[in-house]
Every structure is written in C-alpha cells, then in structure tokens.
Amino acid sequence: FPNSRGVHGGVCYRCLVINDRHENVLQYKESPFCEDKNNLEYLCSQITGDAQLYSLFRIDGVPDECPF
C-alpha cells in the first residue's frame, strides 16, 4: 500500500491486514512505519497481534437481524 509520506521525500509502503467482520464493517491493522518496496516482507512481519485495531463502518449499510 503506497504512502506519499515517504522516506527521504520518496514513496514508501505500509502493510495492512484487513478483515471483513460483517458486510458493514471492515477492521484493519497496519505496519508501524513506512519502508521501501524491497522490505515488504519485513514490514508485514512487524504487525503484531496486539497492534491497534481500526474499524470502518458503512454509514448507509443495511442492518442485519441479531444472530443471538
């Protein structure tokens, strides 16, 4: 995932782990810093299990019946 806030003014990359929890909710974690494209494997390995989890909610989503 290219990011314009690059290292030394150039393009850098972040790694994202995206989970679709529901048709109206996406959750993701991202790498803690930017790297060049040659370090993507290392960059993705830096996303830890306790990394901050971000949530995106669809504003105009259709509600679902509660499964419980």
C-alpha atoms as a PDB file:
ATOM      1  CA  PHE A   1       0.000   0.000   0.000  1.00  0.00           C
ATOM      2  CA  PRO A   2       1.920   3.071  -1.230  1.00  0.00           C
ATOM      3  CA  ASN A   3       2.034   6.107   1.019  1.00  0.00           C
ATOM      4  CA  SER A   4       3.017   9.575  -0.137  1.00  0.00           C
ATOM      5  CA  ARG A   5       4.735  10.388   3.183  1.00  0.00           C
ATOM      6  CA  GLY A   6       7.871   8.704   2.001  1.00  0.00           C
ATOM      7  CA  VAL A   7      11.247   8.110   3.497  1.00  0.00           C
ATOM      8  CA  HIS A   8      13.546  10.980   2.471  1.00  0.00           C
ATOM      9  CA  GLY A   9      10.718  12.529   0.422  1.00  0.00           C
ATOM     10  CA  GLY A  10      10.137   9.437  -1.752  1.00  0.00           C
ATOM     11  CA  VAL A  11       7.304   6.927  -1.873  1.00  0.00           C
ATOM     12  CA  CYS A  12       7.141   4.453   0.985  1.00  0.00           C
ATOM     13  CA  TYR A  13       4.892   1.473   1.684  1.00  0.00           C
ATOM     14  CA  ARG A  14       2.787   0.274   4.611  1.00  0.00           C
ATOM     15  CA  CYS A  15       1.450  -3.214   5.106  1.00  0.00           C
ATOM     16  CA  LEU A  16      -2.247  -3.660   6.009  1.00  0.00           C
ATOM     17  CA  VAL A  17      -4.041  -6.709   7.400  1.00  0.00           C
ATOM     18  CA  ILE A  18      -7.744  -6.296   6.562  1.00  0.00           C
ATOM     19  CA  ASN A  19     -10.607  -8.385   7.967  1.00  0.00           C
ATOM     20  CA  ASP A  20     -14.210  -8.115   6.825  1.00  0.00           C
ATOM     21  CA  ARG A  21     -16.088  -8.718  10.077  1.00  0.00           C
ATOM     22  CA  HIS A  22     -19.505  -8.015   8.607  1.00  0.00           C
ATOM     23  CA  GLU A  23     -20.839  -6.657   5.331  1.00  0.00           C
ATOM     24  CA  ASN A  24     -20.999  -3.248   7.044  1.00  0.00           C
ATOM     25  CA  VAL A  25     -17.707  -3.400   8.989  1.00  0.00           C
ATOM     26  CA  LEU A  26     -14.034  -3.632   7.982  1.00  0.00           C
ATOM     27  CA  GLN A  27     -11.273  -3.897  10.551  1.00  0.00           C
ATOM     28  CA  TYR A  28      -7.578  -3.477   9.870  1.00  0.00           C
ATOM     29  CA  LYS A  29      -4.126  -3.261  11.411  1.00  0.00           C
ATOM     30  CA  GLU A  30      -1.219  -1.512   9.755  1.00  0.00           C
ATOM     31  CA  SER A  31       2.542  -1.642   9.946  1.00  0.00           C
ATOM     32  CA  PRO A  32       4.011   0.864  12.394  1.00  0.00           C
ATOM     33  CA  PHE A  33       6.247   2.627   9.846  1.00  0.00           C
ATOM     34  CA  CYS A  34       6.965   3.118   6.143  1.00  0.00           C
ATOM     35  CA  GLU A  35       9.614   1.224   4.199  1.00  0.00           C
ATOM     36  CA  ASP A  36      10.691   0.948   0.591  1.00  0.00           C
ATOM     37  CA  LYS A  37       9.161  -1.737  -1.619  1.00  0.00           C
ATOM     38  CA  ASN A  38      12.131  -4.111  -1.168  1.00  0.00           C
ATOM     39  CA  ASN A  39      11.288  -4.588   2.530  1.00  0.00           C
ATOM     40  CA  LEU A  40       7.588  -5.530   2.279  1.00  0.00           C
ATOM     41  CA  GLU A  41       8.010  -8.985   3.842  1.00  0.00           C
ATOM     42  CA  TYR A  42       9.840  -7.482   6.813  1.00  0.00           C
ATOM     43  CA  LEU A  43       7.346  -4.638   7.018  1.00  0.00           C
ATOM     44  CA  CYS A  44       4.358  -7.011   7.178  1.00  0.00           C
ATOM     45  CA  SER A  45       6.089  -9.114   9.830  1.00  0.00           C
ATOM     46  CA  GLN A  46       6.122  -6.042  12.097  1.00  0.00           C
ATOM     47  CA  ILE A  47       2.322  -6.104  12.560  1.00  0.00           C
ATOM     48  CA  THR A  48       1.945  -7.671  15.991  1.00  0.00           C
ATOM     49  CA  GLY A  49      -1.074  -9.427  17.452  1.00  0.00           C
ATOM     50  CA  ASP A  50      -1.601  -6.580  19.899  1.00  0.00           C
ATOM     51  CA  ALA A  51      -1.279  -3.825  17.270  1.00  0.00           C
ATOM     52  CA  GLN A  52      -4.026  -1.214  17.292  1.00  0.00           C
ATOM     53  CA  LEU A  53      -7.177  -2.410  15.522  1.00  0.00           C
ATOM     54  CA  TYR A  54      -9.017   0.193  13.429  1.00  0.00           C
ATOM     55  CA  SER A  55     -12.665  -0.182  12.401  1.00  0.00           C
ATOM     56  CA  LEU A  56     -14.504   1.267   9.407  1.00  0.00           C
ATOM     57  CA  PHE A  57     -18.303   1.297   9.419  1.00  0.00           C
ATOM     58  CA  ARG A  58     -20.540   1.654   6.367  1.00  0.00           C
ATOM     59  CA  ILE A  59     -22.763   4.657   7.039  1.00  0.00           C
ATOM     60  CA  ASP A  60     -25.589   3.663   4.695  1.00  0.00           C
ATOM     61  CA  GLY A  61     -25.378  -0.070   5.450  1.00  0.00           C
ATOM     62  CA  VAL A  62     -28.484  -2.221   5.683  1.00  0.00           C
ATOM     63  CA  PRO A  63     -28.956  -3.521   9.255  1.00  0.00           C
ATOM     64  CA  ASP A  64     -28.934  -7.273   9.879  1.00  0.00           C
ATOM     65  CA  GLU A  65     -31.014  -9.181  12.389  1.00  0.00           C
ATOM     66  CA  CYS A  66     -29.018 -10.046  15.515  1.00  0.00           C
ATOM     67  CA  PRO A  67     -27.895 -13.715  15.394  1.00  0.00           C
ATOM     68  CA  PHE A  68     -28.172 -14.158  19.186  1.00  0.00           C
END
